Amino acid sequence: MSKSLKFLWPLALFVILVAFFAVGLRLNPREIPSPLIGKAAPAFTAPVLSEVKGSFSTKDMLGKVWLLNVWASWCEACREEHPYLIEISQMQGVNLIGLDYKDTNAEGNQVLKSEGNPYQLVAVDLDGRIGIDYGVYGVPETYLIDKSGIIRYKQIGPITPQVFQEIIYPLIRGLQ
């Protein structure tokens, strides 16, 4: 191999790495693709917050389009999202189920008592196993699940009015 070719290999490798970094810097970190999109939502049965013997199962929602909002009392971004979730809960055709993630019942109940409860019900994921099955990176995260139990969209981070109006609500209407 000639000396000029030996010089070109590191240069070519450098150019390729710069191209990968340039593409990566243009990506939105909130748009992490979920391998669950288009697949059945992981089934679970969990206790319901505030109910001594109540439980919730994903089977209860078959035939309905619904949002599963994963939140926690210790999550600041969840508190920012909360007032908008109350607005969403008052909209016709939006089924909003909460999943209290790695929280105690007392802490979860306290938030809902002081801030208001936007959820039809809140399932409890005390040990985080449900969150693991759903691939939760951090809270809040919201999953749009269709009538057949298929995940159609995943929102990482708080739902904003813009995201809801431009992405989530049109999807809900289209799935109903």
C-alpha atoms as a PDB file:
ATOM      1  CA  MET A   1       0.000   0.000   0.000  1.00  0.00           C
ATOM      2  CA  SER A   2       1.379   3.378  -0.905  1.00  0.00           C
ATOM      3  CA  LYS A   3       2.000   6.152   1.613  1.00  0.00           C
ATOM      4  CA  SER A   4      -0.771   8.321   0.145  1.00  0.00           C
ATOM      5  CA  LEU A   5      -3.391   5.566   0.690  1.00  0.00           C
ATOM      6  CA  LYS A   6      -2.299   5.134   4.315  1.00  0.00           C
ATOM      7  CA  PHE A   7      -2.952   8.856   4.794  1.00  0.00           C
ATOM      8  CA  LEU A   8      -6.410   8.699   3.159  1.00  0.00           C
ATOM      9  CA  TRP A   9      -7.813   5.975   5.450  1.00  0.00           C
ATOM     10  CA  PRO A  10      -7.757   8.092   8.639  1.00  0.00           C
ATOM     11  CA  LEU A  11      -9.069  11.073   6.683  1.00  0.00           C
ATOM     12  CA  ALA A  12     -11.949   9.013   5.238  1.00  0.00           C
ATOM     13  CA  LEU A  13     -12.767   7.643   8.703  1.00  0.00           C
ATOM     14  CA  PHE A  14     -12.750  11.181  10.113  1.00  0.00           C
ATOM     15  CA  VAL A  15     -15.132  12.430   7.403  1.00  0.00           C
ATOM     16  CA  ILE A  16     -17.522   9.511   8.041  1.00  0.00           C
ATOM     17  CA  LEU A  17     -17.533  10.201  11.799  1.00  0.00           C
ATOM     18  CA  VAL A  18     -18.207  13.915  11.226  1.00  0.00           C
ATOM     19  CA  ALA A  19     -21.141  12.985   8.967  1.00  0.00           C
ATOM     20  CA  PHE A  20     -22.627  10.704  11.668  1.00  0.00           C
ATOM     21  CA  PHE A  21     -22.258  13.422  14.306  1.00  0.00           C
ATOM     22  CA  ALA A  22     -23.852  16.024  12.032  1.00  0.00           C
ATOM     23  CA  VAL A  23     -26.876  13.781  11.432  1.00  0.00           C
ATOM     24  CA  GLY A  24     -27.121  12.954  15.154  1.00  0.00           C
ATOM     25  CA  LEU A  25     -27.124  16.599  16.182  1.00  0.00           C
ATOM     26  CA  ARG A  26     -30.168  17.242  14.000  1.00  0.00           C
ATOM     27  CA  LEU A  27     -32.263  14.518  15.673  1.00  0.00           C
ATOM     28  CA  ASN A  28     -34.807  15.372  18.355  1.00  0.00           C
ATOM     29  CA  PRO A  29     -34.033  13.434  21.572  1.00  0.00           C
ATOM     30  CA  ARG A  30     -37.770  13.441  22.438  1.00  0.00           C
ATOM     31  CA  GLU A  31     -38.452  11.368  19.337  1.00  0.00           C
ATOM     32  CA  ILE A  32     -36.854   8.167  20.536  1.00  0.00           C
ATOM     33  CA  PRO A  33     -38.598   5.490  18.512  1.00  0.00           C
ATOM     34  CA  SER A  34     -40.382   2.914  20.615  1.00  0.00           C
ATOM     35  CA  PRO A  35     -40.164  -0.707  19.491  1.00  0.00           C
ATOM     36  CA  LEU A  36     -43.728  -1.084  20.835  1.00  0.00           C
ATOM     37  CA  ILE A  37     -45.355   1.223  18.269  1.00  0.00           C
ATOM     38  CA  GLY A  38     -47.684  -0.936  16.175  1.00  0.00           C
ATOM     39  CA  LYS A  39     -47.526  -3.811  18.662  1.00  0.00           C
ATOM     40  CA  ALA A  40     -49.871  -4.973  21.398  1.00  0.00           C
ATOM     41  CA  ALA A  41     -49.590  -2.966  24.593  1.00  0.00           C
ATOM     42  CA  PRO A  42     -48.098  -5.104  27.353  1.00  0.00           C
ATOM     43  CA  ALA A  43     -50.972  -6.539  29.351  1.00  0.00           C
ATOM     44  CA  PHE A  44     -51.071  -5.886  33.076  1.00  0.00           C
ATOM     45  CA  THR A  45     -53.372  -5.933  36.051  1.00  0.00           C
ATOM     46  CA  ALA A  46     -52.571  -3.494  38.847  1.00  0.00           C
ATOM     47  CA  PRO A  47     -54.174  -2.151  41.989  1.00  0.00           C
ATOM     48  CA  VAL A  48     -56.104   1.086  41.670  1.00  0.00           C
ATOM     49  CA  LEU A  49     -54.943   4.084  43.676  1.00  0.00           C
ATOM     50  CA  SER A  50     -57.412   5.019  46.434  1.00  0.00           C
ATOM     51  CA  GLU A  51     -59.288   1.726  46.248  1.00  0.00           C
ATOM     52  CA  VAL A  52     -58.604  -0.948  48.832  1.00  0.00           C
ATOM     53  CA  LYS A  53     -59.620  -3.917  46.674  1.00  0.00           C
ATOM     54  CA  GLY A  54     -59.941  -2.390  43.206  1.00  0.00           C
ATOM     55  CA  SER A  55     -57.789  -3.384  40.266  1.00  0.00           C
ATOM     56  CA  PHE A  56     -57.320  -2.266  36.685  1.00  0.00           C
ATOM     57  CA  SER A  57     -56.487  -4.446  33.712  1.00  0.00           C
ATOM     58  CA  THR A  58     -55.596  -3.413  30.195  1.00  0.00           C
ATOM     59  CA  LYS A  59     -58.362  -5.821  29.126  1.00  0.00           C
ATOM     60  CA  ASP A  60     -60.846  -3.348  30.672  1.00  0.00           C
ATOM     61  CA  MET A  61     -60.000  -0.892  27.880  1.00  0.00           C
ATOM     62  CA  LEU A  62     -60.450  -3.201  24.882  1.00  0.00           C
ATOM     63  CA  GLY A  63     -62.854  -1.558  22.448  1.00  0.00           C
ATOM     64  CA  LYS A  64     -61.780   1.935  23.561  1.00  0.00           C
ATOM     65  CA  VAL A  65     -59.103   4.357  22.389  1.00  0.00           C
ATOM     66  CA  TRP A  66     -57.188   5.490  25.465  1.00  0.00           C
ATOM     67  CA  LEU A  67     -54.145   7.277  26.796  1.00  0.00           C
ATOM     68  CA  LEU A  68     -51.922   5.704  29.454  1.00  0.00           C
ATOM     69  CA  ASN A  69     -50.107   8.539  31.217  1.00  0.00           C
ATOM     70  CA  VAL A  70     -47.149   7.407  33.336  1.00  0.00           C
ATOM     71  CA  TRP A  71     -46.473   9.911  36.137  1.00  0.00           C
ATOM     72  CA  ALA A  72     -45.150  10.200  39.699  1.00  0.00           C
ATOM     73  CA  SER A  73     -45.531  12.576  42.627  1.00  0.00           C
ATOM     74  CA  TRP A  74     -41.762  13.198  42.690  1.00  0.00           C
ATOM     75  CA  CYS A  75     -41.665  14.221  39.011  1.00  0.00           C
ATOM     76  CA  GLU A  76     -41.452  17.988  38.356  1.00  0.00           C
ATOM     77  CA  ALA A  77     -42.262  17.657  34.647  1.00  0.00           C
ATOM     78  CA  CYS A  78     -45.395  15.700  35.621  1.00  0.00           C
ATOM     79  CA  ARG A  79     -46.517  18.629  37.761  1.00  0.00           C
ATOM     80  CA  GLU A  80     -46.012  20.986  34.806  1.00  0.00           C
ATOM     81  CA  GLU A  81     -48.079  18.687  32.583  1.00  0.00           C
ATOM     82  CA  HIS A  82     -50.847  18.157  35.170  1.00  0.00           C
ATOM     83  CA  PRO A  83     -52.993  21.281  34.526  1.00  0.00           C
ATOM     84  CA  TYR A  84     -53.131  20.460  30.827  1.00  0.00           C
ATOM     85  CA  LEU A  85     -54.107  16.855  31.596  1.00  0.00           C
ATOM     86  CA  ILE A  86     -57.074  18.247  33.536  1.00  0.00           C
ATOM     87  CA  GLU A  87     -58.114  20.147  30.391  1.00  0.00           C
ATOM     88  CA  ILE A  88     -57.672  17.028  28.250  1.00  0.00           C
ATOM     89  CA  SER A  89     -59.752  14.936  30.647  1.00  0.00           C
ATOM     90  CA  GLN A  90     -62.737  17.220  30.051  1.00  0.00           C
ATOM     91  CA  MET A  91     -62.660  16.659  26.288  1.00  0.00           C
ATOM     92  CA  GLN A  92     -65.210  14.349  24.730  1.00  0.00           C
ATOM     93  CA  GLY A  93     -63.831  11.006  23.556  1.00  0.00           C
ATOM     94  CA  VAL A  94     -60.567  11.084  25.518  1.00  0.00           C
ATOM     95  CA  ASN A  95     -60.079   8.194  27.940  1.00  0.00           C
ATOM     96  CA  LEU A  96     -57.186   9.077  30.249  1.00  0.00           C
ATOM     97  CA  ILE A  97     -55.771   6.410  32.561  1.00  0.00           C
ATOM     98  CA  GLY A  98     -52.929   7.215  34.946  1.00  0.00           C
ATOM     99  CA  LEU A  99     -50.098   4.922  35.964  1.00  0.00           C
ATOM    100  CA  ASP A 100     -48.522   6.091  39.217  1.00  0.00           C
ATOM    101  CA  TYR A 101     -44.913   4.993  38.741  1.00  0.00           C
ATOM    102  CA  LYS A 102     -42.607   3.999  41.618  1.00  0.00           C
ATOM    103  CA  ASP A 103     -44.614   5.989  44.124  1.00  0.00           C
ATOM    104  CA  THR A 104     -46.372   5.377  47.409  1.00  0.00           C
ATOM    105  CA  ASN A 105     -50.158   5.518  47.548  1.00  0.00           C
ATOM    106  CA  ALA A 106     -50.001   8.367  50.058  1.00  0.00           C
ATOM    107  CA  GLU A 107     -47.778  10.496  47.802  1.00  0.00           C
ATOM    108  CA  GLY A 108     -49.843   9.785  44.684  1.00  0.00           C
ATOM    109  CA  ASN A 109     -53.098  10.544  46.493  1.00  0.00           C
ATOM    110  CA  GLN A 110     -51.675  13.776  47.902  1.00  0.00           C
ATOM    111  CA  VAL A 111     -50.836  15.111  44.427  1.00  0.00           C
ATOM    112  CA  LEU A 112     -54.279  14.265  43.073  1.00  0.00           C
ATOM    113  CA  LYS A 113     -55.958  15.791  46.121  1.00  0.00           C
ATOM    114  CA  SER A 114     -54.013  19.053  45.912  1.00  0.00           C
ATOM    115  CA  GLU A 115     -53.744  19.425  42.106  1.00  0.00           C
ATOM    116  CA  GLY A 116     -56.952  17.729  40.956  1.00  0.00           C
ATOM    117  CA  ASN A 117     -57.475  14.336  39.368  1.00  0.00           C
ATOM    118  CA  PRO A 118     -57.581  14.259  35.549  1.00  0.00           C
ATOM    119  CA  TYR A 119     -57.725  10.457  35.346  1.00  0.00           C
ATOM    120  CA  GLN A 120     -60.654   8.094  34.995  1.00  0.00           C
ATOM    121  CA  LEU A 121     -58.612   5.899  37.305  1.00  0.00           C
ATOM    122  CA  VAL A 122     -55.017   5.514  38.381  1.00  0.00           C
ATOM    123  CA  ALA A 123     -53.253   2.152  38.361  1.00  0.00           C
ATOM    124  CA  VAL A 124     -50.294   1.732  40.697  1.00  0.00           C
ATOM    125  CA  ASP A 125     -46.852   0.554  39.535  1.00  0.00           C
ATOM    126  CA  LEU A 126     -45.105   0.505  42.892  1.00  0.00           C
ATOM    127  CA  ASP A 127     -42.057  -1.528  41.836  1.00  0.00           C
ATOM    128  CA  GLY A 128     -41.780  -0.206  38.260  1.00  0.00           C
ATOM    129  CA  ARG A 129     -42.326  -3.575  36.540  1.00  0.00           C
ATOM    130  CA  ILE A 130     -45.149  -2.268  34.345  1.00  0.00           C
ATOM    131  CA  GLY A 131     -42.959   0.660  33.332  1.00  0.00           C
ATOM    132  CA  ILE A 132     -40.182  -1.755  32.362  1.00  0.00           C
ATOM    133  CA  ASP A 133     -42.601  -3.707  30.148  1.00  0.00           C
ATOM    134  CA  TYR A 134     -43.629  -0.465  28.436  1.00  0.00           C
ATOM    135  CA  GLY A 135     -40.046   0.716  28.011  1.00  0.00           C
ATOM    136  CA  VAL A 136     -40.457   3.796  30.186  1.00  0.00           C
ATOM    137  CA  TYR A 137     -37.308   5.933  29.996  1.00  0.00           C
ATOM    138  CA  GLY A 138     -38.539   8.451  32.536  1.00  0.00           C
ATOM    139  CA  VAL A 139     -41.721  10.165  33.571  1.00  0.00           C
ATOM    140  CA  PRO A 140     -43.923  11.566  32.245  1.00  0.00           C
ATOM    141  CA  GLU A 141     -44.557   9.356  29.260  1.00  0.00           C
ATOM    142  CA  THR A 142     -47.881   8.805  27.526  1.00  0.00           C
ATOM    143  CA  TYR A 143     -49.012   5.968  25.283  1.00  0.00           C
ATOM    144  CA  LEU A 144     -51.919   6.152  22.849  1.00  0.00           C
ATOM    145  CA  ILE A 145     -53.545   2.721  22.647  1.00  0.00           C
ATOM    146  CA  ASP A 146     -56.216   1.817  20.110  1.00  0.00           C
ATOM    147  CA  LYS A 147     -59.420  -0.236  20.468  1.00  0.00           C
ATOM    148  CA  SER A 148     -57.548  -3.477  19.777  1.00  0.00           C
ATOM    149  CA  GLY A 149     -54.898  -2.775  22.409  1.00  0.00           C
ATOM    150  CA  ILE A 150     -52.186  -1.704  19.935  1.00  0.00           C
ATOM    151  CA  ILE A 151     -49.818   1.137  20.875  1.00  0.00           C
ATOM    152  CA  ARG A 152     -50.111   3.807  18.182  1.00  0.00           C
ATOM    153  CA  TYR A 153     -48.029   6.640  19.644  1.00  0.00           C
ATOM    154  CA  LYS A 154     -45.621   7.320  22.504  1.00  0.00           C
ATOM    155  CA  GLN A 155     -45.022  10.787  23.926  1.00  0.00           C
ATOM    156  CA  ILE A 156     -41.799  11.126  25.867  1.00  0.00           C
ATOM    157  CA  GLY A 157     -41.958  14.043  28.266  1.00  0.00           C
ATOM    158  CA  PRO A 158     -44.907  16.262  29.110  1.00  0.00           C
ATOM    159  CA  ILE A 159     -47.857  16.587  26.781  1.00  0.00           C
ATOM    160  CA  THR A 160     -48.002  20.183  25.610  1.00  0.00           C
ATOM    161  CA  PRO A 161     -51.021  21.875  24.037  1.00  0.00           C
ATOM    162  CA  GLN A 162     -49.181  21.920  20.699  1.00  0.00           C
ATOM    163  CA  VAL A 163     -48.322  18.197  20.774  1.00  0.00           C
ATOM    164  CA  PHE A 164     -51.840  17.289  21.842  1.00  0.00           C
ATOM    165  CA  GLN A 165     -53.590  19.418  19.213  1.00  0.00           C
ATOM    166  CA  GLU A 166     -51.235  18.630  16.331  1.00  0.00           C
ATOM    167  CA  ILE A 167     -50.408  14.961  16.955  1.00  0.00           C
ATOM    168  CA  ILE A 168     -52.287  13.146  19.710  1.00  0.00           C
ATOM    169  CA  TYR A 169     -55.850  14.422  19.294  1.00  0.00           C
ATOM    170  CA  PRO A 170     -55.928  13.903  15.514  1.00  0.00           C
ATOM    171  CA  LEU A 171     -54.692  10.343  16.101  1.00  0.00           C
ATOM    172  CA  ILE A 172     -57.411   9.763  18.720  1.00  0.00           C
ATOM    173  CA  ARG A 173     -60.108  11.016  16.335  1.00  0.00           C
ATOM    174  CA  GLY A 174     -58.749   8.875  13.516  1.00  0.00           C
ATOM    175  CA  LEU A 175     -58.765   5.741  15.664  1.00  0.00           C
ATOM    176  CA  GLN A 176     -62.332   6.155  16.918  1.00  0.00           C
END
